[in-house]
Amino acid sequence: MNRTKINYVVDLALLIQFVLVGYSGLLLFIDGHGTSHFWKLIHEKIGILMLAFFIAHFVLHWGWLMLNTKKCFSREKEMKADEIIEAKHTNID
């Protein structure tokens, strides 16, 4: 299975788990369902599974995350902005 398909499966699994954790959380929150052992078990186990898939998602996107973090905090971008501002000020004088 190639990386794109793995990413798709991980993302789809995360979506399903998110919905299940959200649904079970709402049922536990609503009065009367908070004592249900079944929903507590579902909520906890799916939550743990969701954490594992989140880690896999994070690992799959590590390169993208690092690249965009570097772009965001790059000094080169700041230097270009400073050069533009300085050029505008020199042209005005």
PDB file of N, CA and C in Angstrom:
ATOM      1  N   MET A   1       0.851  -1.173   0.000  1.00  0.00           N
ATOM      2  CA  MET A   1       0.000   0.000   0.000  1.00  0.00           C
ATOM      3  C   MET A   1       0.901   1.241   0.000  1.00  0.00           C
ATOM      4  N   ASN A   2       0.630   2.177  -0.895  1.00  0.00           N
ATOM      5  CA  ASN A   2       1.480   3.373  -0.961  1.00  0.00           C
ATOM      6  C   ASN A   2       1.108   4.386   0.133  1.00  0.00           C
ATOM      7  N   ARG A   3       1.936   5.387   0.280  1.00  0.00           N
ATOM      8  CA  ARG A   3       1.791   6.367   1.363  1.00  0.00           C
ATOM      9  C   ARG A   3       0.456   7.120   1.295  1.00  0.00           C
ATOM     10  N   THR A   4      -0.007   7.430   0.097  1.00  0.00           N
ATOM     11  CA  THR A   4      -1.267   8.156  -0.058  1.00  0.00           C
ATOM     12  C   THR A   4      -2.442   7.329   0.450  1.00  0.00           C
ATOM     13  N   LYS A   5      -2.457   6.048   0.118  1.00  0.00           N
ATOM     14  CA  LYS A   5      -3.543   5.179   0.580  1.00  0.00           C
ATOM     15  C   LYS A   5      -3.490   4.994   2.097  1.00  0.00           C
ATOM     16  N   ILE A   6      -2.283   4.853   2.635  1.00  0.00           N
ATOM     17  CA  ILE A   6      -2.143   4.723   4.091  1.00  0.00           C
ATOM     18  C   ILE A   6      -2.663   5.986   4.770  1.00  0.00           C
ATOM     19  N   ASN A   7      -2.304   7.136   4.226  1.00  0.00           N
ATOM     20  CA  ASN A   7      -2.764   8.410   4.772  1.00  0.00           C
ATOM     21  C   ASN A   7      -4.290   8.506   4.721  1.00  0.00           C
ATOM     22  N   TYR A   8      -4.873   8.071   3.618  1.00  0.00           N
ATOM     23  CA  TYR A   8      -6.330   8.098   3.472  1.00  0.00           C
ATOM     24  C   TYR A   8      -6.993   7.211   4.526  1.00  0.00           C
ATOM     25  N   VAL A   9      -6.471   6.003   4.711  1.00  0.00           N
ATOM     26  CA  VAL A   9      -7.039   5.068   5.688  1.00  0.00           C
ATOM     27  C   VAL A   9      -6.914   5.633   7.106  1.00  0.00           C
ATOM     28  N   VAL A  10      -5.756   6.187   7.430  1.00  0.00           N
ATOM     29  CA  VAL A  10      -5.548   6.770   8.761  1.00  0.00           C
ATOM     30  C   VAL A  10      -6.504   7.939   8.981  1.00  0.00           C
ATOM     31  N   ASP A  11      -6.644   8.827   8.000  1.00  0.00           N
ATOM     32  CA  ASP A  11      -7.540   9.978   8.133  1.00  0.00           C
ATOM     33  C   ASP A  11      -9.001   9.554   8.247  1.00  0.00           C
ATOM     34  N   LEU A  12      -9.404   8.568   7.459  1.00  0.00           N
ATOM     35  CA  LEU A  12     -10.782   8.072   7.535  1.00  0.00           C
ATOM     36  C   LEU A  12     -11.048   7.431   8.894  1.00  0.00           C
ATOM     37  N   ALA A  13     -10.092   6.649   9.381  1.00  0.00           N
ATOM     38  CA  ALA A  13     -10.232   6.025  10.702  1.00  0.00           C
ATOM     39  C   ALA A  13     -10.330   7.090  11.792  1.00  0.00           C
ATOM     40  N   LEU A  14      -9.526   8.146  11.677  1.00  0.00           N
ATOM     41  CA  LEU A  14      -9.592   9.237  12.653  1.00  0.00           C
ATOM     42  C   LEU A  14     -10.958   9.922  12.634  1.00  0.00           C
ATOM     43  N   LEU A  15     -11.516  10.115  11.458  1.00  0.00           N
ATOM     44  CA  LEU A  15     -12.839  10.733  11.349  1.00  0.00           C
ATOM     45  C   LEU A  15     -13.897   9.871  12.035  1.00  0.00           C
ATOM     46  N   ILE A  16     -13.888   8.581  11.754  1.00  0.00           N
ATOM     47  CA  ILE A  16     -14.864   7.665  12.359  1.00  0.00           C
ATOM     48  C   ILE A  16     -14.695   7.638  13.879  1.00  0.00           C
ATOM     49  N   GLN A  17     -13.453   7.572  14.333  1.00  0.00           N
ATOM     50  CA  GLN A  17     -13.189   7.552  15.771  1.00  0.00           C
ATOM     51  C   GLN A  17     -13.622   8.857  16.429  1.00  0.00           C
ATOM     52  N   PHE A  18     -13.387   9.975  15.758  1.00  0.00           N
ATOM     53  CA  PHE A  18     -13.798  11.277  16.281  1.00  0.00           C
ATOM     54  C   PHE A  18     -15.312  11.325  16.475  1.00  0.00           C
ATOM     55  N   VAL A  19     -16.040  10.836  15.486  1.00  0.00           N
ATOM     56  CA  VAL A  19     -17.504  10.823  15.574  1.00  0.00           C
ATOM     57  C   VAL A  19     -17.958   9.923  16.727  1.00  0.00           C
ATOM     58  N   LEU A  20     -17.362   8.740  16.844  1.00  0.00           N
ATOM     59  CA  LEU A  20     -17.747   7.813  17.911  1.00  0.00           C
ATOM     60  C   LEU A  20     -17.414   8.356  19.302  1.00  0.00           C
ATOM     61  N   VAL A  21     -16.248   8.954  19.453  1.00  0.00           N
ATOM     62  CA  VAL A  21     -15.877   9.530  20.749  1.00  0.00           C
ATOM     63  C   VAL A  21     -16.793  10.710  21.075  1.00  0.00           C
ATOM     64  N   GLY A  22     -17.092  11.530  20.083  1.00  0.00           N
ATOM     65  CA  GLY A  22     -18.001  12.654  20.299  1.00  0.00           C
ATOM     66  C   GLY A  22     -19.398  12.199  20.674  1.00  0.00           C
ATOM     67  N   TYR A  23     -19.907  11.197  19.961  1.00  0.00           N
ATOM     68  CA  TYR A  23     -21.251  10.668  20.227  1.00  0.00           C
ATOM     69  C   TYR A  23     -21.319  10.038  21.613  1.00  0.00           C
ATOM     70  N   SER A  24     -20.344   9.201  21.931  1.00  0.00           N
ATOM     71  CA  SER A  24     -20.354   8.553  23.244  1.00  0.00           C
ATOM     72  C   SER A  24     -20.159   9.582  24.359  1.00  0.00           C
ATOM     73  N   GLY A  25     -19.355  10.607  24.104  1.00  0.00           N
ATOM     74  CA  GLY A  25     -19.174  11.668  25.088  1.00  0.00           C
ATOM     75  C   GLY A  25     -20.459  12.424  25.353  1.00  0.00           C
ATOM     76  N   LEU A  26     -21.216  12.705  24.289  1.00  0.00           N
ATOM     77  CA  LEU A  26     -22.512  13.369  24.470  1.00  0.00           C
ATOM     78  C   LEU A  26     -23.482  12.486  25.245  1.00  0.00           C
ATOM     79  N   LEU A  27     -23.501  11.191  24.933  1.00  0.00           N
ATOM     80  CA  LEU A  27     -24.389  10.279  25.657  1.00  0.00           C
ATOM     81  C   LEU A  27     -24.017  10.199  27.135  1.00  0.00           C
ATOM     82  N   LEU A  28     -22.727  10.202  27.425  1.00  0.00           N
ATOM     83  CA  LEU A  28     -22.290  10.169  28.820  1.00  0.00           C
ATOM     84  C   LEU A  28     -22.600  11.481  29.533  1.00  0.00           C
ATOM     85  N   PHE A  29     -22.585  12.563  28.794  1.00  0.00           N
ATOM     86  CA  PHE A  29     -22.859  13.876  29.371  1.00  0.00           C
ATOM     87  C   PHE A  29     -24.340  14.050  29.701  1.00  0.00           C
ATOM     88  N   ILE A  30     -25.193  13.522  28.815  1.00  0.00           N
ATOM     89  CA  ILE A  30     -26.639  13.657  29.008  1.00  0.00           C
ATOM     90  C   ILE A  30     -27.043  12.876  30.254  1.00  0.00           C
ATOM     91  N   ASP A  31     -27.872  13.486  31.070  1.00  0.00           N
ATOM     92  CA  ASP A  31     -28.310  12.860  32.316  1.00  0.00           C
ATOM     93  C   ASP A  31     -28.993  11.521  32.039  1.00  0.00           C
ATOM     94  N   GLY A  32     -28.642  10.522  32.792  1.00  0.00           N
ATOM     95  CA  GLY A  32     -29.252   9.208  32.627  1.00  0.00           C
ATOM     96  C   GLY A  32     -28.350   8.216  31.933  1.00  0.00           C
ATOM     97  N   HIS A  33     -27.441   8.703  31.084  1.00  0.00           N
ATOM     98  CA  HIS A  33     -26.533   7.796  30.376  1.00  0.00           C
ATOM     99  C   HIS A  33     -25.138   7.792  31.001  1.00  0.00           C
ATOM    100  N   GLY A  34     -24.903   8.654  31.949  1.00  0.00           N
ATOM    101  CA  GLY A  34     -23.577   8.781  32.540  1.00  0.00           C
ATOM    102  C   GLY A  34     -23.116   7.560  33.312  1.00  0.00           C
ATOM    103  N   THR A  35     -24.052   6.706  33.701  1.00  0.00           N
ATOM    104  CA  THR A  35     -23.677   5.515  34.464  1.00  0.00           C
ATOM    105  C   THR A  35     -23.544   4.287  33.573  1.00  0.00           C
ATOM    106  N   SER A  36     -23.778   4.434  32.294  1.00  0.00           N
ATOM    107  CA  SER A  36     -23.727   3.299  31.376  1.00  0.00           C
ATOM    108  C   SER A  36     -22.290   2.807  31.201  1.00  0.00           C
ATOM    109  N   HIS A  37     -22.026   1.603  31.677  1.00  0.00           N
ATOM    110  CA  HIS A  37     -20.691   1.012  31.578  1.00  0.00           C
ATOM    111  C   HIS A  37     -20.293   0.816  30.114  1.00  0.00           C
ATOM    112  N   PHE A  38     -21.252   0.434  29.271  1.00  0.00           N
ATOM    113  CA  PHE A  38     -20.968   0.191  27.850  1.00  0.00           C
ATOM    114  C   PHE A  38     -20.430   1.446  27.172  1.00  0.00           C
ATOM    115  N   TRP A  39     -21.102   2.580  27.354  1.00  0.00           N
ATOM    116  CA  TRP A  39     -20.683   3.806  26.684  1.00  0.00           C
ATOM    117  C   TRP A  39     -19.372   4.350  27.245  1.00  0.00           C
ATOM    118  N   LYS A  40     -19.149   4.151  28.546  1.00  0.00           N
ATOM    119  CA  LYS A  40     -17.860   4.557  29.124  1.00  0.00           C
ATOM    120  C   LYS A  40     -16.728   3.736  28.514  1.00  0.00           C
ATOM    121  N   LEU A  41     -16.964   2.432  28.374  1.00  0.00           N
ATOM    122  CA  LEU A  41     -15.965   1.545  27.792  1.00  0.00           C
ATOM    123  C   LEU A  41     -15.675   1.927  26.338  1.00  0.00           C
ATOM    124  N   ILE A  42     -16.740   2.149  25.562  1.00  0.00           N
ATOM    125  CA  ILE A  42     -16.586   2.565  24.157  1.00  0.00           C
ATOM    126  C   ILE A  42     -15.795   3.875  24.089  1.00  0.00           C
ATOM    127  N   HIS A  43     -16.177   4.835  24.917  1.00  0.00           N
ATOM    128  CA  HIS A  43     -15.539   6.153  24.904  1.00  0.00           C
ATOM    129  C   HIS A  43     -14.040   6.041  25.222  1.00  0.00           C
ATOM    130  N   GLU A  44     -13.699   5.270  26.232  1.00  0.00           N
ATOM    131  CA  GLU A  44     -12.295   5.139  26.635  1.00  0.00           C
ATOM    132  C   GLU A  44     -11.469   4.379  25.606  1.00  0.00           C
ATOM    133  N   LYS A  45     -11.982   3.242  25.134  1.00  0.00           N
ATOM    134  CA  LYS A  45     -11.208   2.401  24.205  1.00  0.00           C
ATOM    135  C   LYS A  45     -11.027   3.079  22.852  1.00  0.00           C
ATOM    136  N   ILE A  46     -12.085   3.702  22.337  1.00  0.00           N
ATOM    137  CA  ILE A  46     -11.972   4.407  21.053  1.00  0.00           C
ATOM    138  C   ILE A  46     -11.053   5.622  21.213  1.00  0.00           C
ATOM    139  N   GLY A  47     -11.104   6.272  22.367  1.00  0.00           N
ATOM    140  CA  GLY A  47     -10.215   7.405  22.629  1.00  0.00           C
ATOM    141  C   GLY A  47      -8.750   6.995  22.596  1.00  0.00           C
ATOM    142  N   ILE A  48      -8.431   5.841  23.175  1.00  0.00           N
ATOM    143  CA  ILE A  48      -7.053   5.336  23.151  1.00  0.00           C
ATOM    144  C   ILE A  48      -6.648   4.977  21.723  1.00  0.00           C
ATOM    145  N   LEU A  49      -7.547   4.329  20.998  1.00  0.00           N
ATOM    146  CA  LEU A  49      -7.282   3.988  19.599  1.00  0.00           C
ATOM    147  C   LEU A  49      -7.076   5.257  18.768  1.00  0.00           C
ATOM    148  N   MET A  50      -7.875   6.272  19.062  1.00  0.00           N
ATOM    149  CA  MET A  50      -7.766   7.545  18.351  1.00  0.00           C
ATOM    150  C   MET A  50      -6.401   8.187  18.598  1.00  0.00           C
ATOM    151  N   LEU A  51      -5.900   8.072  19.811  1.00  0.00           N
ATOM    152  CA  LEU A  51      -4.577   8.603  20.126  1.00  0.00           C
ATOM    153  C   LEU A  51      -3.499   7.904  19.300  1.00  0.00           C
ATOM    154  N   ALA A  52      -3.611   6.589  19.159  1.00  0.00           N
ATOM    155  CA  ALA A  52      -2.643   5.829  18.355  1.00  0.00           C
ATOM    156  C   ALA A  52      -2.688   6.265  16.887  1.00  0.00           C
ATOM    157  N   PHE A  53      -3.894   6.461  16.353  1.00  0.00           N
ATOM    158  CA  PHE A  53      -4.025   6.900  14.963  1.00  0.00           C
ATOM    159  C   PHE A  53      -3.557   8.344  14.790  1.00  0.00           C
ATOM    160  N   PHE A  54      -3.741   9.168  15.826  1.00  0.00           N
ATOM    161  CA  PHE A  54      -3.241  10.540  15.756  1.00  0.00           C
ATOM    162  C   PHE A  54      -1.716  10.549  15.659  1.00  0.00           C
ATOM    163  N   ILE A  55      -1.069   9.685  16.424  1.00  0.00           N
ATOM    164  CA  ILE A  55       0.393   9.586  16.357  1.00  0.00           C
ATOM    165  C   ILE A  55       0.825   9.143  14.960  1.00  0.00           C
ATOM    166  N   ALA A  56       0.114   8.165  14.387  1.00  0.00           N
ATOM    167  CA  ALA A  56       0.425   7.713  13.021  1.00  0.00           C
ATOM    168  C   ALA A  56       0.236   8.865  12.030  1.00  0.00           C
ATOM    169  N   HIS A  57      -0.831   9.629  12.193  1.00  0.00           N
ATOM    170  CA  HIS A  57      -1.105  10.782  11.325  1.00  0.00           C
ATOM    171  C   HIS A  57       0.030  11.806  11.445  1.00  0.00           C
ATOM    172  N   PHE A  58       0.464  12.059  12.654  1.00  0.00           N
ATOM    173  CA  PHE A  58       1.544  13.006  12.912  1.00  0.00           C
ATOM    174  C   PHE A  58       2.839  12.538  12.248  1.00  0.00           C
ATOM    175  N   VAL A  59       3.144  11.255  12.357  1.00  0.00           N
ATOM    176  CA  VAL A  59       4.354  10.692  11.746  1.00  0.00           C
ATOM    177  C   VAL A  59       4.283  10.799  10.225  1.00  0.00           C
ATOM    178  N   LEU A  60       3.118  10.508   9.650  1.00  0.00           N
ATOM    179  CA  LEU A  60       2.954  10.586   8.196  1.00  0.00           C
ATOM    180  C   LEU A  60       3.140  12.009   7.671  1.00  0.00           C
ATOM    181  N   HIS A  61       2.818  12.999   8.483  1.00  0.00           N
ATOM    182  CA  HIS A  61       2.890  14.393   8.048  1.00  0.00           C
ATOM    183  C   HIS A  61       4.091  15.137   8.629  1.00  0.00           C
ATOM    184  N   TRP A  62       5.037  14.424   9.211  1.00  0.00           N
ATOM    185  CA  TRP A  62       6.183  15.061   9.863  1.00  0.00           C
ATOM    186  C   TRP A  62       6.970  15.961   8.905  1.00  0.00           C
ATOM    187  N   GLY A  63       7.258  15.477   7.713  1.00  0.00           N
ATOM    188  CA  GLY A  63       8.013  16.262   6.740  1.00  0.00           C
ATOM    189  C   GLY A  63       7.303  17.550   6.371  1.00  0.00           C
ATOM    190  N   TRP A  64       6.009  17.467   6.124  1.00  0.00           N
ATOM    191  CA  TRP A  64       5.210  18.641   5.783  1.00  0.00           C
ATOM    192  C   TRP A  64       5.208  19.634   6.937  1.00  0.00           C
ATOM    193  N   LEU A  65       5.057  19.116   8.151  1.00  0.00           N
ATOM    194  CA  LEU A  65       5.022  19.974   9.328  1.00  0.00           C
ATOM    195  C   LEU A  65       6.341  20.722   9.515  1.00  0.00           C
ATOM    196  N   MET A  66       7.450  20.014   9.371  1.00  0.00           N
ATOM    197  CA  MET A  66       8.765  20.644   9.529  1.00  0.00           C
ATOM    198  C   MET A  66       9.024  21.684   8.437  1.00  0.00           C
ATOM    199  N   LEU A  67       8.670  21.354   7.199  1.00  0.00           N
ATOM    200  CA  LEU A  67       8.871  22.275   6.082  1.00  0.00           C
ATOM    201  C   LEU A  67       8.100  23.573   6.298  1.00  0.00           C
ATOM    202  N   ASN A  68       6.838  23.462   6.669  1.00  0.00           N
ATOM    203  CA  ASN A  68       6.019  24.659   6.849  1.00  0.00           C
ATOM    204  C   ASN A  68       6.371  25.430   8.111  1.00  0.00           C
ATOM    205  N   THR A  69       6.853  24.740   9.130  1.00  0.00           N
ATOM    206  CA  THR A  69       7.316  25.435  10.327  1.00  0.00           C
ATOM    207  C   THR A  69       8.547  26.268   9.997  1.00  0.00           C
ATOM    208  N   LYS A  70       9.454  25.693   9.221  1.00  0.00           N
ATOM    209  CA  LYS A  70      10.653  26.440   8.817  1.00  0.00           C
ATOM    210  C   LYS A  70      10.278  27.644   7.961  1.00  0.00           C
ATOM    211  N   LYS A  71       9.326  27.459   7.044  1.00  0.00           N
ATOM    212  CA  LYS A  71       8.891  28.580   6.202  1.00  0.00           C
ATOM    213  C   LYS A  71       8.265  29.681   7.043  1.00  0.00           C
ATOM    214  N   CYS A  72       7.486  29.278   8.022  1.00  0.00           N
ATOM    215  CA  CYS A  72       6.766  30.241   8.854  1.00  0.00           C
ATOM    216  C   CYS A  72       7.720  31.088   9.696  1.00  0.00           C
ATOM    217  N   PHE A  73       8.760  30.454  10.210  1.00  0.00           N
ATOM    218  CA  PHE A  73       9.677  31.155  11.098  1.00  0.00           C
ATOM    219  C   PHE A  73      11.009  31.496  10.442  1.00  0.00           C
ATOM    220  N   SER A  74      11.024  31.501   9.136  1.00  0.00           N
ATOM    221  CA  SER A  74      12.257  31.751   8.399  1.00  0.00           C
ATOM    222  C   SER A  74      12.682  33.208   8.513  1.00  0.00           C
ATOM    223  N   ARG A  75      13.960  33.426   8.748  1.00  0.00           N
ATOM    224  CA  ARG A  75      14.497  34.788   8.796  1.00  0.00           C
ATOM    225  C   ARG A  75      14.582  35.374   7.395  1.00  0.00           C
ATOM    226  N   GLU A  76      14.668  34.504   6.391  1.00  0.00           N
ATOM    227  CA  GLU A  76      14.748  34.975   5.005  1.00  0.00           C
ATOM    228  C   GLU A  76      13.499  35.780   4.653  1.00  0.00           C
ATOM    229  N   LYS A  77      12.336  35.308   5.103  1.00  0.00           N
ATOM    230  CA  LYS A  77      11.084  36.007   4.836  1.00  0.00           C
ATOM    231  C   LYS A  77      11.100  37.380   5.511  1.00  0.00           C
ATOM    232  N   GLU A  78      11.611  37.441   6.746  1.00  0.00           N
ATOM    233  CA  GLU A  78      11.704  38.714   7.455  1.00  0.00           C
ATOM    234  C   GLU A  78      12.650  39.661   6.734  1.00  0.00           C
ATOM    235  N   MET A  79      13.762  39.129   6.253  1.00  0.00           N
ATOM    236  CA  MET A  79      14.740  39.960   5.560  1.00  0.00           C
ATOM    237  C   MET A  79      14.146  40.531   4.283  1.00  0.00           C
ATOM    238  N   LYS A  80      13.388  39.732   3.548  1.00  0.00           N
ATOM    239  CA  LYS A  80      12.768  40.231   2.324  1.00  0.00           C
ATOM    240  C   LYS A  80      11.785  41.348   2.650  1.00  0.00           C
ATOM    241  N   ALA A  81      11.012  41.192   3.709  1.00  0.00           N
ATOM    242  CA  ALA A  81      10.055  42.219   4.099  1.00  0.00           C
ATOM    243  C   ALA A  81      10.787  43.499   4.493  1.00  0.00           C
ATOM    244  N   ASP A  82      11.886  43.366   5.227  1.00  0.00           N
ATOM    245  CA  ASP A  82      12.679  44.539   5.611  1.00  0.00           C
ATOM    246  C   ASP A  82      13.257  45.241   4.387  1.00  0.00           C
ATOM    247  N   GLU A  83      13.712  44.465   3.409  1.00  0.00           N
ATOM    248  CA  GLU A  83      14.267  45.045   2.183  1.00  0.00           C
ATOM    249  C   GLU A  83      13.202  45.832   1.424  1.00  0.00           C
ATOM    250  N   ILE A  84      11.990  45.319   1.381  1.00  0.00           N
ATOM    251  CA  ILE A  84      10.893  46.008   0.689  1.00  0.00           C
ATOM    252  C   ILE A  84      10.581  47.322   1.392  1.00  0.00           C
ATOM    253  N   ILE A  85      10.508  47.277   2.719  1.00  0.00           N
ATOM    254  CA  ILE A  85      10.218  48.493   3.486  1.00  0.00           C
ATOM    255  C   ILE A  85      11.332  49.519   3.291  1.00  0.00           C
ATOM    256  N   GLU A  86      12.574  49.060   3.333  1.00  0.00           N
ATOM    257  CA  GLU A  86      13.708  49.966   3.153  1.00  0.00           C
ATOM    258  C   GLU A  86      13.706  50.569   1.749  1.00  0.00           C
ATOM    259  N   ALA A  87      13.368  49.782   0.749  1.00  0.00           N
ATOM    260  CA  ALA A  87      13.321  50.276  -0.628  1.00  0.00           C
ATOM    261  C   ALA A  87      12.239  51.344  -0.777  1.00  0.00           C
ATOM    262  N   LYS A  88      11.115  51.164  -0.117  1.00  0.00           N
ATOM    263  CA  LYS A  88      10.037  52.157  -0.188  1.00  0.00           C
ATOM    264  C   LYS A  88      10.479  53.468   0.451  1.00  0.00           C
ATOM    265  N   HIS A  89      11.174  53.358   1.575  1.00  0.00           N
ATOM    266  CA  HIS A  89      11.635  54.564   2.261  1.00  0.00           C
ATOM    267  C   HIS A  89      12.708  55.295   1.457  1.00  0.00           C
ATOM    268  N   THR A  90      13.555  54.556   0.762  1.00  0.00           N
ATOM    269  CA  THR A  90      14.608  55.196  -0.040  1.00  0.00           C
ATOM    270  C   THR A  90      14.000  55.893  -1.243  1.00  0.00           C
ATOM    271  N   ASN A  91      12.965  55.333  -1.818  1.00  0.00           N
ATOM    272  CA  ASN A  91      12.331  55.943  -2.985  1.00  0.00           C
ATOM    273  C   ASN A  91      11.559  57.200  -2.614  1.00  0.00           C
ATOM    274  N   ILE A  92      11.088  57.271  -1.394  1.00  0.00           N
ATOM    275  CA  ILE A  92      10.317  58.437  -0.956  1.00  0.00           C
ATOM    276  C   ILE A  92      11.239  59.634  -0.760  1.00  0.00           C
ATOM    277  N   ASP A  93      12.421  59.399  -0.206  1.00  0.00           N
ATOM    278  CA  ASP A  93      13.368  60.492   0.074  1.00  0.00           C
ATOM    279  C   ASP A  93      13.869  61.019  -1.187  1.00  0.00           C
TER     280      ASP A  93
END
